[in-house]
Amino acid sequence: MPTLPALNGRKVVKVFESFGWEVVRQRGSHIILVKNNHNATLSVPDHKEVAKGTLRSLIRAAGMTVEEFLRAAK
């Protein structure tokens, strides 16, 4: 299993946006993303560092692999 880097919430949102997700709102410290024809909504914490378990869960909910996410994050 590849190791996830320490990323802040804004960077995580940018990566998901590159895969077609779009920001619909922000409530407090969480940014909500949706994608057409996808049942899940992603709630990304706008923190200095997103916890690795949380990030892995977001990637899984988005229907992506960690490898795809890491390629886009570079």
Protein backbone atom coordinates (compact mmCIF):
# COMPACT_ATOMS: atom_id res chain seq x y z
CA MET A 1 0.00 0.00 0.00
CA PRO A 2 1.50 3.37 -0.99
CA THR A 3 2.21 5.93 1.69
CA LEU A 4 0.06 9.05 1.59
CA PRO A 5 1.78 12.42 1.91
CA ALA A 6 0.75 15.08 4.43
CA LEU A 7 -1.58 17.39 2.47
CA ASN A 8 -3.67 20.32 3.59
CA GLY A 9 -7.40 20.45 2.87
CA ARG A 10 -7.14 22.96 0.01
CA LYS A 11 -4.62 20.78 -1.85
CA VAL A 12 -6.86 17.72 -1.44
CA VAL A 13 -9.79 19.70 -2.88
CA LYS A 14 -7.66 20.77 -5.89
CA VAL A 15 -6.78 17.13 -6.63
CA PHE A 16 -10.42 16.04 -6.47
CA GLU A 17 -11.41 18.97 -8.70
CA SER A 18 -8.98 17.68 -11.32
CA PHE A 19 -11.09 14.48 -11.40
CA GLY A 20 -14.36 16.34 -12.02
CA TRP A 21 -15.54 16.92 -8.45
CA GLU A 22 -16.83 20.42 -7.72
CA VAL A 23 -17.16 22.44 -4.55
CA VAL A 24 -20.81 23.16 -3.74
CA ARG A 25 -20.45 24.74 -0.31
CA GLN A 26 -18.31 25.17 2.76
CA ARG A 27 -19.77 24.95 6.22
CA GLY A 28 -17.32 25.79 8.96
CA SER A 29 -14.08 23.92 8.40
CA HIS A 30 -15.43 21.33 5.93
CA ILE A 31 -15.56 21.72 2.15
CA ILE A 32 -18.32 19.70 0.44
CA LEU A 33 -17.73 18.32 -3.05
CA VAL A 34 -20.13 16.56 -5.43
CA LYS A 35 -19.82 14.96 -8.83
CA ASN A 36 -22.50 14.40 -11.46
CA ASN A 37 -23.67 10.77 -11.74
CA HIS A 38 -21.96 9.86 -8.46
CA ASN A 39 -23.95 9.07 -5.30
CA ALA A 40 -21.27 10.04 -2.79
CA THR A 41 -20.52 13.51 -1.49
CA LEU A 42 -17.07 14.24 -0.13
CA SER A 43 -16.58 16.27 3.03
CA VAL A 44 -12.96 17.44 3.06
CA PRO A 45 -11.73 19.02 6.31
CA ASP A 46 -10.03 22.37 5.66
CA HIS A 47 -7.17 21.66 8.06
CA LYS A 48 -3.42 22.22 7.85
CA GLU A 49 -3.00 18.46 7.51
CA VAL A 50 -5.72 15.98 6.58
CA ALA A 51 -5.35 12.76 8.57
CA LYS A 52 -4.10 9.87 6.45
CA GLY A 53 -7.04 7.62 7.37
CA THR A 54 -9.50 10.37 6.47
CA LEU A 55 -7.73 10.96 3.16
CA ARG A 56 -7.75 7.25 2.33
CA SER A 57 -11.47 7.12 3.13
CA LEU A 58 -12.17 10.12 0.85
CA ILE A 59 -10.23 8.49 -1.99
CA ARG A 60 -12.20 5.26 -1.58
CA ALA A 61 -15.54 7.14 -1.47
CA ALA A 62 -14.57 8.94 -4.69
CA GLY A 63 -14.10 5.58 -6.42
CA MET A 64 -10.40 6.17 -7.02
CA THR A 65 -7.22 4.32 -6.18
CA VAL A 66 -4.48 5.77 -4.02
CA GLU A 67 -2.10 5.54 -6.98
CA GLU A 68 -4.42 7.69 -9.16
CA PHE A 69 -4.69 10.26 -6.39
CA LEU A 70 -0.93 10.39 -5.86
CA ARG A 71 -0.24 10.86 -9.59
CA ALA A 72 -2.63 13.83 -9.68
CA ALA A 73 -1.23 15.30 -6.47
CA LYS A 74 2.27 15.72 -7.93
